[in-house]
């Protein structure tokens, strides 16, 4: 995987690029057996289906490294590697699903419950943010967000910071990996008949029931 360059450091998420091998694996996975899971998810979209990580390949080759990287803050490092008061963490992928988003559909602000980490992989982005932001609905706005992915950072009653990710076809193969408490949303796109396809999932500590 290749890390995306960001201007800020110590952000609570990872911004990476998947290898062709990983992308090919996910496309093959999408073509397998699918179960409707919309009632379990926040998305206001017409199709979300569960898929399976065959032989745990995607977790072992992509997600495991992401989870262990986010885990390595100083307190955790000290407890595990210096004081040896805690064992190294072990995680597992609990759920994996693919979203098919049509124009006008959206994912409202939400966080993922009963897990530690989550992620989104941008598989197919049929629109370009420059064209979407130029549409009449956005062009004269102080905050054009048509087609964007967005994090919402805030604590308690304090101000909320919006972190926007304008998307285009060049973002296909990009993965954002982040703690489950981080609120995020997906804005609708317009004037495009093709579907936007993304894959998400939840990661939990191994052998737990959270």
Protein backbone atom coordinates (compact mmCIF):
# COMPACT_ATOMS: atom_id res chain seq x y z
CA UNK A 1 0.00 0.00 0.00
CA UNK A 2 1.05 3.59 -0.63
CA UNK A 3 0.22 6.40 1.77
CA UNK A 4 -1.43 9.57 0.49
CA UNK A 5 0.40 12.81 1.31
CA UNK A 6 -1.36 15.07 3.81
CA UNK A 7 -0.47 18.51 5.13
CA UNK A 8 -1.29 17.62 8.74
CA UNK A 9 0.36 15.02 10.93
CA UNK A 10 -1.05 12.81 13.69
CA UNK A 11 -4.45 12.61 12.06
CA UNK A 12 -6.75 9.89 13.45
CA UNK A 13 -7.06 8.14 10.08
CA UNK A 14 -4.91 6.51 7.42
CA UNK A 15 -5.15 7.54 3.76
CA UNK A 16 -3.67 4.82 1.55
CA UNK A 17 -3.66 3.37 -1.96
CA UNK A 18 -4.38 -0.31 -2.48
CA UNK A 19 -2.28 -2.50 -4.74
CA UNK A 20 -3.68 -3.85 -7.99
CA UNK A 21 -3.70 -7.30 -6.37
CA UNK A 22 -5.90 -6.07 -3.52
CA UNK A 23 -8.27 -4.27 -5.89
CA UNK A 24 -8.56 -7.33 -8.13
CA UNK A 25 -9.36 -9.42 -5.05
CA UNK A 26 -12.13 -7.04 -3.98
CA UNK A 27 -13.69 -6.94 -7.44
CA UNK A 28 -13.76 -10.74 -7.46
CA UNK A 29 -15.29 -10.66 -3.98
CA UNK A 30 -18.07 -8.34 -5.12
CA UNK A 31 -19.13 -10.90 -7.71
CA UNK A 32 -19.79 -13.56 -5.05
CA UNK A 33 -22.90 -14.30 -3.00
CA UNK A 34 -24.57 -11.15 -1.69
CA UNK A 35 -27.00 -10.52 1.19
CA UNK A 36 -28.98 -7.27 1.60
CA UNK A 37 -27.80 -5.42 4.73
CA UNK A 38 -29.41 -1.99 4.29
CA UNK A 39 -31.45 -2.27 7.49
CA UNK A 40 -28.21 -2.52 9.49
CA UNK A 41 -26.59 0.53 7.88
CA UNK A 42 -27.11 4.30 7.87
CA UNK A 43 -26.98 4.78 4.11
CA UNK A 44 -29.99 6.20 2.28
CA UNK A 45 -29.11 4.20 -0.80
CA UNK A 46 -30.85 1.57 -2.89
CA UNK A 47 -28.32 -1.26 -2.54
CA UNK A 48 -25.92 -2.38 0.21
CA UNK A 49 -24.93 -6.03 0.31
CA UNK A 50 -22.74 -8.16 2.55
CA UNK A 51 -19.71 -9.86 1.02
CA UNK A 52 -17.17 -12.32 2.41
CA UNK A 53 -13.42 -11.99 2.88
CA UNK A 54 -12.48 -15.38 1.46
CA UNK A 55 -9.72 -17.09 3.48
CA UNK A 56 -9.32 -13.82 5.44
CA UNK A 57 -7.10 -12.54 2.60
CA UNK A 58 -8.04 -8.86 2.66
CA UNK A 59 -7.70 -8.63 6.43
CA UNK A 60 -4.33 -10.37 6.52
CA UNK A 61 -2.84 -8.48 3.57
CA UNK A 62 -4.32 -4.99 4.08
CA UNK A 63 -6.44 -4.36 7.16
CA UNK A 64 -4.22 -5.99 9.78
CA UNK A 65 -1.37 -3.58 9.06
CA UNK A 66 -3.77 -0.63 9.15
CA UNK A 67 -5.20 -1.62 12.54
CA UNK A 68 -1.77 -2.20 14.05
CA UNK A 69 -0.53 1.15 12.72
CA UNK A 70 -3.38 3.14 14.26
CA UNK A 71 -2.95 1.23 17.54
CA UNK A 72 0.67 2.29 17.98
CA UNK A 73 0.25 5.41 20.09
CA UNK A 74 2.74 5.85 22.96
CA UNK A 75 0.58 4.49 25.79
CA UNK A 76 -0.18 1.31 23.89
CA UNK A 77 3.44 0.91 22.77
CA UNK A 78 4.71 1.35 26.33
CA UNK A 79 2.23 -1.10 27.85
CA UNK A 80 2.91 -3.79 25.25
CA UNK A 81 6.62 -3.43 24.42
CA UNK A 82 8.22 -1.70 27.43
CA UNK A 83 6.24 -2.50 30.56
CA UNK A 84 4.92 -5.70 28.99
CA UNK A 85 1.78 -5.27 31.07
CA UNK A 86 -0.50 -6.04 28.14
CA UNK A 87 -0.31 -8.51 25.27
CA UNK A 88 -0.11 -7.29 21.67
CA UNK A 89 -3.59 -6.62 20.31
CA UNK A 90 -5.22 -9.10 17.97
CA UNK A 91 -8.05 -8.02 15.70
CA UNK A 92 -10.44 -9.57 13.22
CA UNK A 93 -12.73 -8.40 10.45
CA UNK A 94 -16.33 -8.82 11.63
CA UNK A 95 -18.32 -7.41 8.70
CA UNK A 96 -17.67 -6.51 5.08
CA UNK A 97 -20.14 -4.96 2.65
CA UNK A 98 -20.37 -3.09 -0.66
CA UNK A 99 -22.46 0.03 -1.27
CA UNK A 100 -23.94 0.90 -4.65
CA UNK A 101 -24.80 4.59 -4.55
CA UNK A 102 -26.94 6.14 -7.29
CA UNK A 103 -27.28 9.86 -8.00
CA UNK A 104 -29.24 11.77 -5.34
CA UNK A 105 -28.57 9.02 -2.73
CA UNK A 106 -26.45 9.73 0.35
CA UNK A 107 -25.00 8.50 3.62
CA UNK A 108 -25.98 10.79 6.53
CA UNK A 109 -23.55 11.67 9.36
CA UNK A 110 -22.92 8.53 11.38
CA UNK A 111 -20.34 6.49 13.28
CA UNK A 112 -19.95 2.73 13.44
CA UNK A 113 -21.09 1.02 16.63
CA UNK A 114 -19.76 -2.06 18.43
CA UNK A 115 -16.37 -2.06 16.71
CA UNK A 116 -12.95 -0.38 17.01
CA UNK A 117 -12.02 0.48 13.44
CA UNK A 118 -13.76 0.89 10.13
CA UNK A 119 -12.80 1.84 6.58
CA UNK A 120 -14.01 2.78 3.13
CA UNK A 121 -12.48 1.65 -0.17
CA UNK A 122 -13.39 3.71 -3.22
CA UNK A 123 -13.89 1.09 -5.93
CA UNK A 124 -15.63 3.12 -8.64
CA UNK A 125 -16.07 6.92 -8.74
CA UNK A 126 -17.97 7.84 -11.92
CA UNK A 127 -17.98 11.62 -11.31
CA UNK A 128 -15.37 14.35 -10.84
CA UNK A 129 -15.64 16.71 -7.93
CA UNK A 130 -14.76 19.75 -10.08
CA UNK A 131 -17.79 19.13 -12.28
CA UNK A 132 -20.00 18.34 -9.29
CA UNK A 133 -18.96 21.48 -7.42
CA UNK A 134 -19.65 23.52 -10.56
CA UNK A 135 -23.31 22.42 -10.71
CA UNK A 136 -25.87 25.17 -9.92
CA UNK A 137 -26.71 23.48 -6.60
CA UNK A 138 -23.09 23.94 -5.42
CA UNK A 139 -21.47 26.64 -7.53
CA UNK A 140 -22.79 29.57 -5.50
CA UNK A 141 -22.43 27.90 -2.10
CA UNK A 142 -19.86 28.88 0.53
CA UNK A 143 -19.41 25.14 1.16
CA UNK A 144 -19.74 23.17 -2.11
CA UNK A 145 -19.82 19.49 -1.16
CA UNK A 146 -21.71 17.68 -3.92
CA UNK A 147 -20.22 14.15 -4.28
CA UNK A 148 -17.74 14.56 -1.38
CA UNK A 149 -16.82 12.20 1.44
CA UNK A 150 -16.45 14.06 4.74
CA UNK A 151 -15.17 13.52 8.29
CA UNK A 152 -16.67 15.54 11.15
CA UNK A 153 -14.18 16.20 13.95
CA UNK A 154 -15.41 17.61 17.25
CA UNK A 155 -15.64 16.94 20.97
CA UNK A 156 -18.38 17.68 23.48
CA UNK A 157 -20.11 21.01 22.91
CA UNK A 158 -17.15 22.47 21.03
CA UNK A 159 -16.93 23.42 17.37
CA UNK A 160 -17.04 20.78 14.64
CA UNK A 161 -14.35 20.70 11.97
CA UNK A 162 -15.30 19.41 8.52
CA UNK A 163 -12.59 17.46 6.70
CA UNK A 164 -13.61 17.17 3.05
CA UNK A 165 -12.45 14.54 0.56
CA UNK A 166 -13.47 15.66 -2.95
CA UNK A 167 -13.55 12.55 -5.13
CA UNK A 168 -12.86 11.76 -8.78
CA UNK A 169 -11.99 8.64 -10.83
CA UNK A 170 -8.33 9.01 -9.78
CA UNK A 171 -9.43 8.05 -6.25
CA UNK A 172 -10.41 4.54 -7.30
CA UNK A 173 -8.26 2.23 -5.19
CA UNK A 174 -8.00 4.66 -2.28
CA UNK A 175 -8.77 3.45 1.25
CA UNK A 176 -9.53 5.58 4.32
CA UNK A 177 -9.05 3.60 7.54
CA UNK A 178 -10.23 5.25 10.76
CA UNK A 179 -11.48 4.69 14.33
CA UNK A 180 -15.14 3.76 14.54
CA UNK A 181 -15.98 6.81 16.68
CA UNK A 182 -15.08 9.21 13.86
CA UNK A 183 -18.32 10.60 12.40
CA UNK A 184 -18.45 10.68 8.60
CA UNK A 185 -20.89 11.21 5.77
CA UNK A 186 -21.20 10.91 1.99
CA UNK A 187 -22.89 13.64 -0.03
CA UNK A 188 -25.05 12.88 -3.07
CA UNK A 189 -23.82 13.33 -6.62
CA UNK A 190 -25.87 14.50 -9.60
CA UNK A 191 -26.34 14.24 -13.38
CA UNK A 192 -24.72 10.81 -13.68
CA UNK A 193 -26.52 7.52 -14.29
CA UNK A 194 -23.58 5.34 -13.22
CA UNK A 195 -23.27 3.96 -9.68
CA UNK A 196 -20.59 4.88 -7.20
CA UNK A 197 -19.24 1.66 -5.65
CA UNK A 198 -17.52 1.54 -2.27
CA UNK A 199 -16.60 -1.21 0.18
CA UNK A 200 -16.66 -0.84 3.95
CA UNK A 201 -16.25 -3.06 6.98
CA UNK A 202 -15.83 -3.22 10.75
CA UNK A 203 -12.89 -4.50 12.77
CA UNK A 204 -13.13 -5.74 16.37
CA UNK A 205 -10.73 -7.24 18.93
CA UNK A 206 -10.40 -10.96 18.31
CA UNK A 207 -12.50 -13.28 20.49
CA UNK A 208 -14.78 -10.53 21.77
CA UNK A 209 -18.49 -9.91 21.46
CA UNK A 210 -18.57 -6.10 21.32
